[in-house]
C-alpha atoms as a PDB file:
ATOM      1  CA  MET A   1      90.274  62.965  68.311  1.00  0.00           C
ATOM      2  CA  LEU A   2      91.713  59.590  67.528  1.00  0.00           C
ATOM      3  CA  ILE A   3      89.298  57.384  66.639  1.00  0.00           C
ATOM      4  CA  TYR A   4      90.239  54.412  67.688  1.00  0.00           C
ATOM      5  CA  ASP A   5      88.246  50.648  66.339  1.00  0.00           C
ATOM      6  CA  VAL A   6      87.727  48.669  69.689  1.00  0.00           C
ATOM      7  CA  PHE A   7      85.821  44.958  68.742  1.00  0.00           C
ATOM      8  CA  GLY A   8      83.934  46.635  66.349  1.00  0.00           C
ATOM      9  CA  ARG A   9      83.126  49.808  68.748  1.00  0.00           C
ATOM     10  CA  HIS A  10      84.064  52.933  67.808  1.00  0.00           C
ATOM     11  CA  ILE A  11      86.010  55.050  71.136  1.00  0.00           C
ATOM     12  CA  GLY A  12      87.827  58.907  70.684  1.00  0.00           C
ATOM     13  CA  VAL A  13      90.602  59.907  72.481  1.00  0.00           C
ATOM     14  CA  LYS A  14      91.384  63.322  73.356  1.00  0.00           C
ATOM     15  CA  ARG A  15      94.201  64.324  74.875  1.00  0.00           C
ATOM     16  CA  GLN A  16      93.050  67.629  77.330  1.00  0.00           C
ATOM     17  CA  GLY A  17      94.007  69.401  79.830  1.00  0.00           C
ATOM     18  CA  GLY A  18      96.795  67.005  80.438  1.00  0.00           C
ATOM     19  CA  ARG A  19      94.253  64.295  80.896  1.00  0.00           C
ATOM     20  CA  TRP A  20      93.252  61.879  78.487  1.00  0.00           C
ATOM     21  CA  LEU A  21      89.271  62.096  77.742  1.00  0.00           C
ATOM     22  CA  VAL A  22      87.065  59.325  76.152  1.00  0.00           C
ATOM     23  CA  PHE A  23      83.938  59.198  74.118  1.00  0.00           C
ATOM     24  CA  HIS A  24      81.881  56.897  72.151  1.00  0.00           C
ATOM     25  CA  ALA A  25      82.849  57.886  68.543  1.00  0.00           C
ATOM     26  CA  ASP A  26      79.394  58.424  65.421  1.00  0.00           C
ATOM     27  CA  LEU A  27      81.658  58.401  63.089  1.00  0.00           C
ATOM     28  CA  THR A  28      78.513  58.640  60.769  1.00  0.00           C
ATOM     29  CA  GLU A  29      77.549  61.927  61.962  1.00  0.00           C
ATOM     30  CA  ARG A  30      80.556  62.804  63.804  1.00  0.00           C
ATOM     31  CA  LYS A  31      79.005  62.786  66.971  1.00  0.00           C
ATOM     32  CA  PHE A  32      80.997  62.177  70.460  1.00  0.00           C
ATOM     33  CA  SER A  33      79.099  61.487  73.882  1.00  0.00           C
ATOM     34  CA  ARG A  34      81.932  61.156  76.449  1.00  0.00           C
ATOM     35  CA  LEU A  35      82.407  57.886  78.153  1.00  0.00           C
ATOM     36  CA  TYR A  36      83.632  58.047  81.915  1.00  0.00           C
ATOM     37  CA  ASP A  37      83.533  54.335  82.460  1.00  0.00           C
ATOM     38  CA  ILE A  38      87.307  53.884  80.322  1.00  0.00           C
ATOM     39  CA  ALA A  39      90.132  55.929  81.986  1.00  0.00           C
ATOM     40  CA  ILE A  40      93.707  56.006  80.516  1.00  0.00           C
ATOM     41  CA  PRO A  41      96.098  56.775  82.792  1.00  0.00           C
ATOM     42  CA  ASP A  42      96.854  60.236  82.093  1.00  0.00           C
ATOM     43  CA  ASP A  43     101.079  59.444  81.693  1.00  0.00           C
ATOM     44  CA  MET A  44      99.977  57.149  78.990  1.00  0.00           C
ATOM     45  CA  THR A  45     101.506  58.605  75.723  1.00  0.00           C
ATOM     46  CA  GLU A  46      99.827  57.966  72.409  1.00  0.00           C
ATOM     47  CA  ASP A  47     101.160  55.628  71.626  1.00  0.00           C
ATOM     48  CA  GLU A  48     100.247  53.545  74.731  1.00  0.00           C
ATOM     49  CA  ILE A  49      96.649  54.137  74.003  1.00  0.00           C
ATOM     50  CA  LEU A  50      95.827  51.185  71.028  1.00  0.00           C
ATOM     51  CA  GLY A  51      97.895  48.837  73.362  1.00  0.00           C
ATOM     52  CA  TRP A  52      95.909  50.130  77.026  1.00  0.00           C
ATOM     53  CA  LEU A  53      92.576  49.638  75.107  1.00  0.00           C
ATOM     54  CA  GLY A  54      93.178  46.017  74.218  1.00  0.00           C
ATOM     55  CA  ASP A  55      93.729  45.228  77.542  1.00  0.00           C
ATOM     56  CA  ILE A  56      91.350  46.385  79.034  1.00  0.00           C
ATOM     57  CA  LEU A  57      88.454  45.516  76.940  1.00  0.00           C
ATOM     58  CA  HIS A  58      89.930  42.436  75.409  1.00  0.00           C
ATOM     59  CA  GLU A  59      87.085  39.866  76.327  1.00  0.00           C
ATOM     60  CA  ALA A  60      84.518  42.422  73.880  1.00  0.00           C
ATOM     61  CA  ALA A  61      86.912  40.572  70.836  1.00  0.00           C
ATOM     62  CA  THR A  62      84.956  38.653  68.777  1.00  0.00           C
ATOM     63  CA  GLU A  63      85.953  36.202  65.075  1.00  0.00           C
ATOM     64  CA  ARG A  64      84.440  39.463  63.868  1.00  0.00           C
ATOM     65  CA  HIS A  65      85.393  41.817  65.736  1.00  0.00           C
ATOM     66  CA  PRO A  66      89.805  40.013  66.799  1.00  0.00           C
ATOM     67  CA  ASP A  67      91.754  43.536  66.978  1.00  0.00           C
ATOM     68  CA  VAL A  68      91.407  47.284  68.294  1.00  0.00           C
ATOM     69  CA  LYS A  69      92.775  49.399  65.745  1.00  0.00           C
ATOM     70  CA  ARG A  70      93.644  53.041  65.264  1.00  0.00           C
ATOM     71  CA  ILE A  71      91.702  54.563  61.819  1.00  0.00           C
ATOM     72  CA  GLU A  72      91.900  58.160  62.577  1.00  0.00           C
END
């Protein structure tokens, strides 16, 4: 599972069966809940995901959380 800090929100991304699946990531308890409102194109490479998340969720950026970073 790839874990990203997306403007202060932890998002997990996992490749399964040729598709990208997106999860809310609770890193304290290591629990993951599937998110259906965020889609990543299946042909996107792992290297492109960080930029994609930043592009589609940019409205969530704040002064305190201005970036998208891979954390795991």
